[in-house]
Amino acid sequence: MEVKYTVLIEKNEEGGYTVVVPSLPGCITQGDTWQEAMANAREAIAGYIEALKDIGKPVPVELPIEVTL
């Protein structure tokens, strides 16, 4: 099953990138490059989901939101 999560990526003062996954509280990672940060985010998300499953907690699912303007 494929799941998608919104990630917020921000360039930090040291020149690297910090990534936060709002739907997964505490799921934060970083990388020296944008590509490394995104790869680390994928790993962090996978680990987070695996940990939730291991302890019997539900895995959060993001629902698409439609906005009509």
C-alpha atoms as a PDB file:
ATOM      1  CA  MET A   1       0.000   0.000   0.000  1.00  0.00           C
ATOM      2  CA  GLU A   2       1.382   3.384  -0.978  1.00  0.00           C
ATOM      3  CA  VAL A   3       0.857   6.267   1.418  1.00  0.00           C
ATOM      4  CA  LYS A   4       1.728   9.896   0.847  1.00  0.00           C
ATOM      5  CA  TYR A   5       2.608  12.458   3.469  1.00  0.00           C
ATOM      6  CA  THR A   6       3.163  16.158   3.199  1.00  0.00           C
ATOM      7  CA  VAL A   7       6.685  17.175   4.191  1.00  0.00           C
ATOM      8  CA  LEU A   8       7.894  20.644   5.063  1.00  0.00           C
ATOM      9  CA  ILE A   9      11.492  21.256   4.072  1.00  0.00           C
ATOM     10  CA  GLU A  10      13.444  24.292   5.182  1.00  0.00           C
ATOM     11  CA  LYS A  11      16.982  25.385   4.457  1.00  0.00           C
ATOM     12  CA  ASN A  12      18.745  25.941   7.759  1.00  0.00           C
ATOM     13  CA  GLU A  13      21.445  28.442   8.685  1.00  0.00           C
ATOM     14  CA  GLU A  14      24.233  25.861   8.365  1.00  0.00           C
ATOM     15  CA  GLY A  15      23.337  25.288   4.694  1.00  0.00           C
ATOM     16  CA  GLY A  16      21.615  21.929   5.154  1.00  0.00           C
ATOM     17  CA  TYR A  17      17.912  21.125   5.143  1.00  0.00           C
ATOM     18  CA  THR A  18      15.478  20.182   7.888  1.00  0.00           C
ATOM     19  CA  VAL A  19      12.382  18.118   7.079  1.00  0.00           C
ATOM     20  CA  VAL A  20       9.242  17.869   9.238  1.00  0.00           C
ATOM     21  CA  VAL A  21       6.270  15.552   8.597  1.00  0.00           C
ATOM     22  CA  PRO A  22       3.270  17.347  10.169  1.00  0.00           C
ATOM     23  CA  SER A  23       0.974  14.292  10.128  1.00  0.00           C
ATOM     24  CA  LEU A  24       3.547  12.245  12.063  1.00  0.00           C
ATOM     25  CA  PRO A  25       4.296  14.144  15.291  1.00  0.00           C
ATOM     26  CA  GLY A  26       7.990  14.093  16.094  1.00  0.00           C
ATOM     27  CA  CYS A  27       9.004  12.804  12.637  1.00  0.00           C
ATOM     28  CA  ILE A  28      11.848  15.191  11.846  1.00  0.00           C
ATOM     29  CA  THR A  29      15.062  14.638   9.916  1.00  0.00           C
ATOM     30  CA  GLN A  30      17.709  16.565   8.038  1.00  0.00           C
ATOM     31  CA  GLY A  31      20.344  16.341   5.330  1.00  0.00           C
ATOM     32  CA  ASP A  32      23.237  18.300   3.922  1.00  0.00           C
ATOM     33  CA  THR A  33      21.535  18.515   0.505  1.00  0.00           C
ATOM     34  CA  TRP A  34      17.892  18.648  -0.573  1.00  0.00           C
ATOM     35  CA  GLN A  35      18.226  15.156  -2.071  1.00  0.00           C
ATOM     36  CA  GLU A  36      19.779  13.747   1.105  1.00  0.00           C
ATOM     37  CA  ALA A  37      17.110  15.388   3.262  1.00  0.00           C
ATOM     38  CA  MET A  38      14.328  13.884   1.137  1.00  0.00           C
ATOM     39  CA  ALA A  39      15.937  10.428   1.192  1.00  0.00           C
ATOM     40  CA  ASN A  40      16.272  10.705   4.969  1.00  0.00           C
ATOM     41  CA  ALA A  41      12.616  11.792   5.168  1.00  0.00           C
ATOM     42  CA  ARG A  42      11.511   8.651   3.312  1.00  0.00           C
ATOM     43  CA  GLU A  43      13.525   6.515   5.737  1.00  0.00           C
ATOM     44  CA  ALA A  44      12.188   8.423   8.761  1.00  0.00           C
ATOM     45  CA  ILE A  45       8.596   8.009   7.597  1.00  0.00           C
ATOM     46  CA  ALA A  46       9.079   4.277   6.986  1.00  0.00           C
ATOM     47  CA  GLY A  47      10.666   3.839  10.424  1.00  0.00           C
ATOM     48  CA  TYR A  48       7.931   5.871  12.107  1.00  0.00           C
ATOM     49  CA  ILE A  49       5.194   3.768  10.491  1.00  0.00           C
ATOM     50  CA  GLU A  50       6.986   0.531  11.357  1.00  0.00           C
ATOM     51  CA  ALA A  51       7.318   1.626  14.995  1.00  0.00           C
ATOM     52  CA  LEU A  52       3.599   2.476  15.177  1.00  0.00           C
ATOM     53  CA  LYS A  53       2.694  -0.938  13.792  1.00  0.00           C
ATOM     54  CA  ASP A  54       5.079  -2.666  16.235  1.00  0.00           C
ATOM     55  CA  ILE A  55       3.335  -1.074  19.208  1.00  0.00           C
ATOM     56  CA  GLY A  56      -0.168  -1.576  17.812  1.00  0.00           C
ATOM     57  CA  LYS A  57      -0.978   2.083  17.195  1.00  0.00           C
ATOM     58  CA  PRO A  58      -2.919   3.278  14.140  1.00  0.00           C
ATOM     59  CA  VAL A  59      -0.972   4.758  11.247  1.00  0.00           C
ATOM     60  CA  PRO A  60      -2.138   8.304  10.420  1.00  0.00           C
ATOM     61  CA  VAL A  61      -3.429   8.781   6.889  1.00  0.00           C
ATOM     62  CA  GLU A  62      -3.569  12.138   5.154  1.00  0.00           C
ATOM     63  CA  LEU A  63      -6.746  12.764   3.253  1.00  0.00           C
ATOM     64  CA  PRO A  64      -6.643  14.911   0.139  1.00  0.00           C
ATOM     65  CA  ILE A  65      -8.267  18.277   0.603  1.00  0.00           C
ATOM     66  CA  GLU A  66     -10.043  19.928  -2.284  1.00  0.00           C
ATOM     67  CA  VAL A  67     -10.096  23.690  -2.338  1.00  0.00           C
ATOM     68  CA  THR A  68     -12.419  25.500  -4.684  1.00  0.00           C
ATOM     69  CA  LEU A  69     -11.616  29.108  -5.471  1.00  0.00           C
END
